[in-house]
Each structure stands twice: as structure tokens, then as C-alpha cells.
Amino acid sequence: MSDTLPRVAVLSREPETLPRNGVSQFSSLDALLAEPAFDVLLLDLPSADAGQALRRLRRSEAYYFSLIYCTQEPDAWGLALADGRGV
């Protein structure tokens, strides 16, 4: 069993909206995509913004098959592209 924890990131417009124990937070999608890929993403964004972010993330080779969860009620894109509701 590996001692390495999964790398988790949150994309949020509001700073410190979720618990952050070992979690990286980003306020822009460009900043998130500039970093090496994370294992799990939480999108803490309004549904329309999360849907747009998901469309861009799923086009990225780094996040095509990654676990991505929406923390708020997803729109149609969120339902289609996210892996469910998180936190």
C-alpha cells in the first residue's frame, strides 16, 4: 500500500470555503491548469461556472479521466461531465 496521499485541489471563487487539510486551493481555472495534474478536483462554483470549467477540464488531457466533483447543485453540463456531488 502506498503512503502517498492523493493530491486534491479545490477551484473556488471564495477563499477558504471548504476544509483545507492538505488541499490546494485555486481561484482561477488557468492557475489550476498551470500546475501538475491533481488526482481529485472539487469545483466549488455556481452551477453555470462549474459546467463551463468542466467542459474545459474534460478537454484537457490531464483531467480527461480524473475524478471531478461539484460541491454545488450541478447544471446539465455538471450532470454530464462531473463524477457527482462532493463535500
PDB file of N, CA and C in Angstrom:
ATOM      1  N   MET A   1       0.836  -1.188   0.000  1.00  0.00           N
ATOM      2  CA  MET A   1       0.000   0.000   0.000  1.00  0.00           C
ATOM      3  C   MET A   1       0.877   1.246   0.000  1.00  0.00           C
ATOM      4  N   SER A   2       0.530   2.208  -0.783  1.00  0.00           N
ATOM      5  CA  SER A   2       1.318   3.425  -0.919  1.00  0.00           C
ATOM      6  C   SER A   2       1.064   4.380   0.240  1.00  0.00           C
ATOM      7  N   ASP A   3       2.122   5.066   0.661  1.00  0.00           N
ATOM      8  CA  ASP A   3       1.992   6.078   1.700  1.00  0.00           C
ATOM      9  C   ASP A   3       1.657   7.448   1.112  1.00  0.00           C
ATOM     10  N   THR A   4       1.605   7.540  -0.194  1.00  0.00           N
ATOM     11  CA  THR A   4       1.328   8.802  -0.856  1.00  0.00           C
ATOM     12  C   THR A   4      -0.173   9.063  -0.876  1.00  0.00           C
ATOM     13  N   LEU A   5      -0.563  10.210  -0.350  1.00  0.00           N
ATOM     14  CA  LEU A   5      -1.964  10.598  -0.371  1.00  0.00           C
ATOM     15  C   LEU A   5      -2.321  11.163  -1.742  1.00  0.00           C
ATOM     16  N   PRO A   6      -3.579  11.056  -2.134  1.00  0.00           N
ATOM     17  CA  PRO A   6      -3.956  11.676  -3.410  1.00  0.00           C
ATOM     18  C   PRO A   6      -3.829  13.193  -3.310  1.00  0.00           C
ATOM     19  N   ARG A   7      -3.444  13.790  -4.405  1.00  0.00           N
ATOM     20  CA  ARG A   7      -3.368  15.249  -4.468  1.00  0.00           C
ATOM     21  C   ARG A   7      -4.753  15.783  -4.795  1.00  0.00           C
ATOM     22  N   VAL A   8      -5.248  16.670  -3.936  1.00  0.00           N
ATOM     23  CA  VAL A   8      -6.606  17.201  -4.058  1.00  0.00           C
ATOM     24  C   VAL A   8      -6.534  18.717  -4.206  1.00  0.00           C
ATOM     25  N   ALA A   9      -7.375  19.244  -5.100  1.00  0.00           N
ATOM     26  CA  ALA A   9      -7.453  20.692  -5.306  1.00  0.00           C
ATOM     27  C   ALA A   9      -8.911  21.131  -5.328  1.00  0.00           C
ATOM     28  N   VAL A  10      -9.117  22.369  -4.927  1.00  0.00           N
ATOM     29  CA  VAL A  10     -10.437  22.994  -4.967  1.00  0.00           C
ATOM     30  C   VAL A  10     -10.343  24.225  -5.858  1.00  0.00           C
ATOM     31  N   LEU A  11     -11.297  24.353  -6.765  1.00  0.00           N
ATOM     32  CA  LEU A  11     -11.431  25.560  -7.576  1.00  0.00           C
ATOM     33  C   LEU A  11     -12.633  26.307  -7.027  1.00  0.00           C
ATOM     34  N   SER A  12     -12.391  27.503  -6.489  1.00  0.00           N
ATOM     35  CA  SER A  12     -13.449  28.256  -5.819  1.00  0.00           C
ATOM     36  C   SER A  12     -13.239  29.740  -6.018  1.00  0.00           C
ATOM     37  N   ARG A  13     -14.311  30.477  -6.145  1.00  0.00           N
ATOM     38  CA  ARG A  13     -14.225  31.938  -6.223  1.00  0.00           C
ATOM     39  C   ARG A  13     -14.074  32.549  -4.829  1.00  0.00           C
ATOM     40  N   GLU A  14     -14.538  31.831  -3.810  1.00  0.00           N
ATOM     41  CA  GLU A  14     -14.477  32.299  -2.422  1.00  0.00           C
ATOM     42  C   GLU A  14     -13.322  31.625  -1.704  1.00  0.00           C
ATOM     43  N   PRO A  15     -12.411  32.381  -1.115  1.00  0.00           N
ATOM     44  CA  PRO A  15     -11.309  31.748  -0.384  1.00  0.00           C
ATOM     45  C   PRO A  15     -11.794  31.044   0.869  1.00  0.00           C
ATOM     46  N   GLU A  16     -11.164  29.919   1.144  1.00  0.00           N
ATOM     47  CA  GLU A  16     -11.407  29.160   2.378  1.00  0.00           C
ATOM     48  C   GLU A  16     -12.876  28.812   2.607  1.00  0.00           C
ATOM     49  N   THR A  17     -13.542  28.285   1.584  1.00  0.00           N
ATOM     50  CA  THR A  17     -14.940  27.901   1.749  1.00  0.00           C
ATOM     51  C   THR A  17     -15.096  26.458   2.202  1.00  0.00           C
ATOM     52  N   LEU A  18     -14.057  25.662   2.055  1.00  0.00           N
ATOM     53  CA  LEU A  18     -14.109  24.248   2.431  1.00  0.00           C
ATOM     54  C   LEU A  18     -12.902  23.909   3.296  1.00  0.00           C
ATOM     55  N   PRO A  19     -12.978  22.823   4.073  1.00  0.00           N
ATOM     56  CA  PRO A  19     -11.806  22.413   4.857  1.00  0.00           C
ATOM     57  C   PRO A  19     -10.601  22.209   3.942  1.00  0.00           C
ATOM     58  N   ARG A  20      -9.415  22.580   4.413  1.00  0.00           N
ATOM     59  CA  ARG A  20      -8.240  22.574   3.546  1.00  0.00           C
ATOM     60  C   ARG A  20      -7.097  21.691   4.013  1.00  0.00           C
ATOM     61  N   ASN A  21      -7.307  20.716   4.817  1.00  0.00           N
ATOM     62  CA  ASN A  21      -6.216  19.868   5.292  1.00  0.00           C
ATOM     63  C   ASN A  21      -5.520  19.203   4.116  1.00  0.00           C
ATOM     64  N   GLY A  22      -4.371  19.740   3.720  1.00  0.00           N
ATOM     65  CA  GLY A  22      -3.601  19.169   2.624  1.00  0.00           C
ATOM     66  C   GLY A  22      -4.204  19.376   1.252  1.00  0.00           C
ATOM     67  N   VAL A  23      -5.163  20.287   1.133  1.00  0.00           N
ATOM     68  CA  VAL A  23      -5.844  20.540  -0.135  1.00  0.00           C
ATOM     69  C   VAL A  23      -5.352  21.869  -0.710  1.00  0.00           C
ATOM     70  N   SER A  24      -5.024  21.877  -1.992  1.00  0.00           N
ATOM     71  CA  SER A  24      -4.610  23.109  -2.668  1.00  0.00           C
ATOM     72  C   SER A  24      -5.837  23.843  -3.175  1.00  0.00           C
ATOM     73  N   GLN A  25      -5.841  25.164  -3.040  1.00  0.00           N
ATOM     74  CA  GLN A  25      -6.982  25.949  -3.492  1.00  0.00           C
ATOM     75  C   GLN A  25      -6.573  26.885  -4.615  1.00  0.00           C
ATOM     76  N   PHE A  26      -7.455  27.016  -5.599  1.00  0.00           N
ATOM     77  CA  PHE A  26      -7.232  27.893  -6.737  1.00  0.00           C
ATOM     78  C   PHE A  26      -8.467  28.757  -6.946  1.00  0.00           C
ATOM     79  N   SER A  27      -8.238  30.005  -7.360  1.00  0.00           N
ATOM     80  CA  SER A  27      -9.362  30.898  -7.632  1.00  0.00           C
ATOM     81  C   SER A  27      -9.581  31.088  -9.128  1.00  0.00           C
ATOM     82  N   SER A  28      -8.704  30.498  -9.943  1.00  0.00           N
ATOM     83  CA  SER A  28      -8.904  30.573 -11.397  1.00  0.00           C
ATOM     84  C   SER A  28      -8.547  29.237 -12.040  1.00  0.00           C
ATOM     85  N   LEU A  29      -9.253  28.917 -13.089  1.00  0.00           N
ATOM     86  CA  LEU A  29      -9.004  27.677 -13.811  1.00  0.00           C
ATOM     87  C   LEU A  29      -7.623  27.708 -14.474  1.00  0.00           C
ATOM     88  N   ASP A  30      -7.217  28.857 -14.968  1.00  0.00           N
ATOM     89  CA  ASP A  30      -5.890  28.968 -15.591  1.00  0.00           C
ATOM     90  C   ASP A  30      -4.779  28.635 -14.596  1.00  0.00           C
ATOM     91  N   ALA A  31      -4.910  29.119 -13.363  1.00  0.00           N
ATOM     92  CA  ALA A  31      -3.906  28.824 -12.329  1.00  0.00           C
ATOM     93  C   ALA A  31      -3.879  27.335 -12.012  1.00  0.00           C
ATOM     94  N   LEU A  32      -5.039  26.713 -11.944  1.00  0.00           N
ATOM     95  CA  LEU A  32      -5.124  25.274 -11.687  1.00  0.00           C
ATOM     96  C   LEU A  32      -4.452  24.493 -12.811  1.00  0.00           C
ATOM     97  N   LEU A  33      -4.742  24.846 -14.046  1.00  0.00           N
ATOM     98  CA  LEU A  33      -4.195  24.125 -15.190  1.00  0.00           C
ATOM     99  C   LEU A  33      -2.690  24.360 -15.369  1.00  0.00           C
ATOM    100  N   ALA A  34      -2.163  25.405 -14.757  1.00  0.00           N
ATOM    101  CA  ALA A  34      -0.727  25.677 -14.844  1.00  0.00           C
ATOM    102  C   ALA A  34       0.086  24.758 -13.927  1.00  0.00           C
ATOM    103  N   GLU A  35      -0.570  24.088 -12.988  1.00  0.00           N
ATOM    104  CA  GLU A  35       0.084  23.177 -12.045  1.00  0.00           C
ATOM    105  C   GLU A  35       0.058  21.749 -12.588  1.00  0.00           C
ATOM    106  N   PRO A  36       0.944  20.882 -12.079  1.00  0.00           N
ATOM    107  CA  PRO A  36       0.838  19.461 -12.434  1.00  0.00           C
ATOM    108  C   PRO A  36      -0.552  18.938 -12.030  1.00  0.00           C
ATOM    109  N   ALA A  37      -1.041  17.970 -12.756  1.00  0.00           N
ATOM    110  CA  ALA A  37      -2.399  17.462 -12.545  1.00  0.00           C
ATOM    111  C   ALA A  37      -2.608  16.938 -11.127  1.00  0.00           C
ATOM    112  N   PHE A  38      -3.783  17.215 -10.597  1.00  0.00           N
ATOM    113  CA  PHE A  38      -4.201  16.706  -9.292  1.00  0.00           C
ATOM    114  C   PHE A  38      -4.982  15.417  -9.501  1.00  0.00           C
ATOM    115  N   ASP A  39      -5.063  14.601  -8.453  1.00  0.00           N
ATOM    116  CA  ASP A  39      -5.794  13.334  -8.540  1.00  0.00           C
ATOM    117  C   ASP A  39      -7.305  13.535  -8.439  1.00  0.00           C
ATOM    118  N   VAL A  40      -7.706  14.515  -7.616  1.00  0.00           N
ATOM    119  CA  VAL A  40      -9.123  14.783  -7.374  1.00  0.00           C
ATOM    120  C   VAL A  40      -9.334  16.292  -7.389  1.00  0.00           C
ATOM    121  N   LEU A  41     -10.408  16.730  -8.051  1.00  0.00           N
ATOM    122  CA  LEU A  41     -10.780  18.144  -8.071  1.00  0.00           C
ATOM    123  C   LEU A  41     -12.165  18.328  -7.480  1.00  0.00           C
ATOM    124  N   LEU A  42     -12.319  19.391  -6.699  1.00  0.00           N
ATOM    125  CA  LEU A  42     -13.630  19.818  -6.212  1.00  0.00           C
ATOM    126  C   LEU A  42     -13.904  21.176  -6.830  1.00  0.00           C
ATOM    127  N   LEU A  43     -15.032  21.309  -7.497  1.00  0.00           N
ATOM    128  CA  LEU A  43     -15.413  22.588  -8.091  1.00  0.00           C
ATOM    129  C   LEU A  43     -16.447  23.227  -7.183  1.00  0.00           C
ATOM    130  N   ASP A  44     -16.033  24.217  -6.425  1.00  0.00           N
ATOM    131  CA  ASP A  44     -16.925  24.939  -5.520  1.00  0.00           C
ATOM    132  C   ASP A  44     -17.316  26.248  -6.197  1.00  0.00           C
ATOM    133  N   LEU A  45     -18.110  26.111  -7.251  1.00  0.00           N
ATOM    134  CA  LEU A  45     -18.508  27.228  -8.103  1.00  0.00           C
ATOM    135  C   LEU A  45     -20.007  27.173  -8.344  1.00  0.00           C
ATOM    136  N   PRO A  46     -20.621  28.317  -8.682  1.00  0.00           N
ATOM    137  CA  PRO A  46     -22.024  28.274  -9.112  1.00  0.00           C
ATOM    138  C   PRO A  46     -22.171  27.303 -10.282  1.00  0.00           C
ATOM    139  N   SER A  47     -23.333  26.723 -10.426  1.00  0.00           N
ATOM    140  CA  SER A  47     -23.531  25.633 -11.391  1.00  0.00           C
ATOM    141  C   SER A  47     -23.107  25.975 -12.815  1.00  0.00           C
ATOM    142  N   ALA A  48     -23.436  27.148 -13.316  1.00  0.00           N
ATOM    143  CA  ALA A  48     -23.063  27.507 -14.691  1.00  0.00           C
ATOM    144  C   ALA A  48     -21.544  27.621 -14.831  1.00  0.00           C
ATOM    145  N   ASP A  49     -20.890  28.204 -13.832  1.00  0.00           N
ATOM    146  CA  ASP A  49     -19.430  28.331 -13.872  1.00  0.00           C
ATOM    147  C   ASP A  49     -18.759  26.967 -13.772  1.00  0.00           C
ATOM    148  N   ALA A  50     -19.290  26.105 -12.926  1.00  0.00           N
ATOM    149  CA  ALA A  50     -18.739  24.752 -12.797  1.00  0.00           C
ATOM    150  C   ALA A  50     -18.903  23.990 -14.104  1.00  0.00           C
ATOM    151  N   GLY A  51     -20.048  24.150 -14.754  1.00  0.00           N
ATOM    152  CA  GLY A  51     -20.269  23.489 -16.040  1.00  0.00           C
ATOM    153  C   GLY A  51     -19.268  23.929 -17.089  1.00  0.00           C
ATOM    154  N   GLN A  52     -18.993  25.241 -17.148  1.00  0.00           N
ATOM    155  CA  GLN A  52     -18.004  25.752 -18.103  1.00  0.00           C
ATOM    156  C   GLN A  52     -16.605  25.235 -17.765  1.00  0.00           C
ATOM    157  N   ALA A  53     -16.269  25.214 -16.468  1.00  0.00           N
ATOM    158  CA  ALA A  53     -14.958  24.702 -16.053  1.00  0.00           C
ATOM    159  C   ALA A  53     -14.825  23.226 -16.414  1.00  0.00           C
ATOM    160  N   LEU A  54     -15.878  22.466 -16.202  1.00  0.00           N
ATOM    161  CA  LEU A  54     -15.857  21.033 -16.537  1.00  0.00           C
ATOM    162  C   LEU A  54     -15.631  20.816 -18.024  1.00  0.00           C
ATOM    163  N   ARG A  55     -16.266  21.603 -18.845  1.00  0.00           N
ATOM    164  CA  ARG A  55     -16.086  21.460 -20.294  1.00  0.00           C
ATOM    165  C   ARG A  55     -14.624  21.656 -20.667  1.00  0.00           C
ATOM    166  N   ARG A  56     -13.992  22.641 -20.065  1.00  0.00           N
ATOM    167  CA  ARG A  56     -12.578  22.901 -20.363  1.00  0.00           C
ATOM    168  C   ARG A  56     -11.675  21.823 -19.754  1.00  0.00           C
ATOM    169  N   LEU A  57     -11.962  21.412 -18.523  1.00  0.00           N
ATOM    170  CA  LEU A  57     -11.147  20.387 -17.869  1.00  0.00           C
ATOM    171  C   LEU A  57     -11.208  19.059 -18.614  1.00  0.00           C
ATOM    172  N   ARG A  58     -12.380  18.651 -19.026  1.00  0.00           N
ATOM    173  CA  ARG A  58     -12.513  17.358 -19.712  1.00  0.00           C
ATOM    174  C   ARG A  58     -11.862  17.366 -21.088  1.00  0.00           C
ATOM    175  N   ARG A  59     -11.612  18.546 -21.656  1.00  0.00           N
ATOM    176  CA  ARG A  59     -10.866  18.635 -22.917  1.00  0.00           C
ATOM    177  C   ARG A  59      -9.367  18.530 -22.695  1.00  0.00           C
ATOM    178  N   SER A  60      -8.940  18.771 -21.461  1.00  0.00           N
ATOM    179  CA  SER A  60      -7.522  18.717 -21.105  1.00  0.00           C
ATOM    180  C   SER A  60      -7.111  17.264 -20.894  1.00  0.00           C
ATOM    181  N   GLU A  61      -6.012  16.875 -21.514  1.00  0.00           N
ATOM    182  CA  GLU A  61      -5.529  15.501 -21.373  1.00  0.00           C
ATOM    183  C   GLU A  61      -5.280  15.145 -19.903  1.00  0.00           C
ATOM    184  N   ALA A  62      -4.836  16.114 -19.117  1.00  0.00           N
ATOM    185  CA  ALA A  62      -4.527  15.867 -17.705  1.00  0.00           C
ATOM    186  C   ALA A  62      -5.766  15.510 -16.889  1.00  0.00           C
ATOM    187  N   TYR A  63      -6.941  15.989 -17.294  1.00  0.00           N
ATOM    188  CA  TYR A  63      -8.156  15.786 -16.497  1.00  0.00           C
ATOM    189  C   TYR A  63      -9.260  15.032 -17.242  1.00  0.00           C
ATOM    190  N   TYR A  64      -8.918  14.425 -18.354  1.00  0.00           N
ATOM    191  CA  TYR A  64      -9.922  13.709 -19.140  1.00  0.00           C
ATOM    192  C   TYR A  64     -10.606  12.597 -18.333  1.00  0.00           C
ATOM    193  N   PHE A  65      -9.813  11.860 -17.554  1.00  0.00           N
ATOM    194  CA  PHE A  65     -10.362  10.747 -16.772  1.00  0.00           C
ATOM    195  C   PHE A  65     -10.249  10.966 -15.264  1.00  0.00           C
ATOM    196  N   SER A  66      -9.941  12.164 -14.824  1.00  0.00           N
ATOM    197  CA  SER A  66      -9.767  12.445 -13.392  1.00  0.00           C
ATOM    198  C   SER A  66     -11.104  12.496 -12.670  1.00  0.00           C
ATOM    199  N   LEU A  67     -11.033  12.328 -11.350  1.00  0.00           N
ATOM    200  CA  LEU A  67     -12.219  12.483 -10.512  1.00  0.00           C
ATOM    201  C   LEU A  67     -12.463  13.968 -10.283  1.00  0.00           C
ATOM    202  N   ILE A  68     -13.641  14.442 -10.709  1.00  0.00           N
ATOM    203  CA  ILE A  68     -14.008  15.850 -10.546  1.00  0.00           C
ATOM    204  C   ILE A  68     -15.425  15.887  -9.981  1.00  0.00           C
ATOM    205  N   TYR A  69     -15.561  16.561  -8.846  1.00  0.00           N
ATOM    206  CA  TYR A  69     -16.850  16.654  -8.161  1.00  0.00           C
ATOM    207  C   TYR A  69     -17.290  18.109  -8.060  1.00  0.00           C
ATOM    208  N   CYS A  70     -18.595  18.337  -8.125  1.00  0.00           N
ATOM    209  CA  CYS A  70     -19.184  19.661  -7.918  1.00  0.00           C
ATOM    210  C   CYS A  70     -19.718  19.718  -6.482  1.00  0.00           C
ATOM    211  N   THR A  71     -19.425  20.799  -5.774  1.00  0.00           N
ATOM    212  CA  THR A  71     -19.914  20.918  -4.404  1.00  0.00           C
ATOM    213  C   THR A  71     -21.291  21.573  -4.357  1.00  0.00           C
ATOM    214  N   GLN A  72     -21.678  22.223  -5.430  1.00  0.00           N
ATOM    215  CA  GLN A  72     -22.989  22.863  -5.510  1.00  0.00           C
ATOM    216  C   GLN A  72     -23.840  22.112  -6.526  1.00  0.00           C
ATOM    217  N   GLU A  73     -25.124  22.403  -6.535  1.00  0.00           N
ATOM    218  CA  GLU A  73     -26.041  21.727  -7.455  1.00  0.00           C
ATOM    219  C   GLU A  73     -25.565  21.913  -8.889  1.00  0.00           C
ATOM    220  N   PRO A  74     -25.296  20.821  -9.624  1.00  0.00           N
ATOM    221  CA  PRO A  74     -24.758  20.941 -10.983  1.00  0.00           C
ATOM    222  C   PRO A  74     -25.825  21.313 -12.014  1.00  0.00           C
ATOM    223  N   ASP A  75     -25.375  21.991 -13.075  1.00  0.00           N
ATOM    224  CA  ASP A  75     -26.251  22.241 -14.218  1.00  0.00           C
ATOM    225  C   ASP A  75     -26.184  21.016 -15.137  1.00  0.00           C
ATOM    226  N   ALA A  76     -26.715  21.117 -16.341  1.00  0.00           N
ATOM    227  CA  ALA A  76     -26.730  19.970 -17.263  1.00  0.00           C
ATOM    228  C   ALA A  76     -25.311  19.507 -17.598  1.00  0.00           C
ATOM    229  N   TRP A  77     -24.389  20.460 -17.806  1.00  0.00           N
ATOM    230  CA  TRP A  77     -23.004  20.080 -18.087  1.00  0.00           C
ATOM    231  C   TRP A  77     -22.393  19.379 -16.885  1.00  0.00           C
ATOM    232  N   GLY A  78     -22.686  19.872 -15.703  1.00  0.00           N
ATOM    233  CA  GLY A  78     -22.176  19.247 -14.486  1.00  0.00           C
ATOM    234  C   GLY A  78     -22.685  17.825 -14.320  1.00  0.00           C
ATOM    235  N   LEU A  79     -23.960  17.631 -14.607  1.00  0.00           N
ATOM    236  CA  LEU A  79     -24.528  16.283 -14.526  1.00  0.00           C
ATOM    237  C   LEU A  79     -23.857  15.344 -15.517  1.00  0.00           C
ATOM    238  N   ALA A  80     -23.549  15.859 -16.699  1.00  0.00           N
ATOM    239  CA  ALA A  80     -22.961  15.026 -17.740  1.00  0.00           C
ATOM    240  C   ALA A  80     -21.472  14.762 -17.545  1.00  0.00           C
ATOM    241  N   LEU A  81     -20.739  15.734 -17.009  1.00  0.00           N
ATOM    242  CA  LEU A  81     -19.284  15.654 -17.003  1.00  0.00           C
ATOM    243  C   LEU A  81     -18.632  15.430 -15.636  1.00  0.00           C
ATOM    244  N   ALA A  82     -19.356  15.711 -14.569  1.00  0.00           N
ATOM    245  CA  ALA A  82     -18.777  15.543 -13.226  1.00  0.00           C
ATOM    246  C   ALA A  82     -18.972  14.108 -12.746  1.00  0.00           C
ATOM    247  N   ASP A  83     -18.242  13.759 -11.708  1.00  0.00           N
ATOM    248  CA  ASP A  83     -18.358  12.428 -11.112  1.00  0.00           C
ATOM    249  C   ASP A  83     -19.324  12.424  -9.930  1.00  0.00           C
ATOM    250  N   GLY A  84     -20.108  13.476  -9.790  1.00  0.00           N
ATOM    251  CA  GLY A  84     -21.112  13.551  -8.732  1.00  0.00           C
ATOM    252  C   GLY A  84     -20.909  14.763  -7.858  1.00  0.00           C
ATOM    253  N   ARG A  85     -21.630  14.751  -6.738  1.00  0.00           N
ATOM    254  CA  ARG A  85     -21.542  15.840  -5.759  1.00  0.00           C
ATOM    255  C   ARG A  85     -20.468  15.512  -4.738  1.00  0.00           C
ATOM    256  N   GLY A  86     -19.701  16.505  -4.353  1.00  0.00           N
ATOM    257  CA  GLY A  86     -18.671  16.327  -3.337  1.00  0.00           C
ATOM    258  C   GLY A  86     -18.891  17.253  -2.166  1.00  0.00           C
ATOM    259  N   VAL A  87     -18.323  16.888  -1.063  1.00  0.00           N
ATOM    260  CA  VAL A  87     -18.377  17.628   0.203  1.00  0.00           C
ATOM    261  C   VAL A  87     -19.690  18.285   0.370  1.00  0.00           C
TER     262      VAL A  87
END
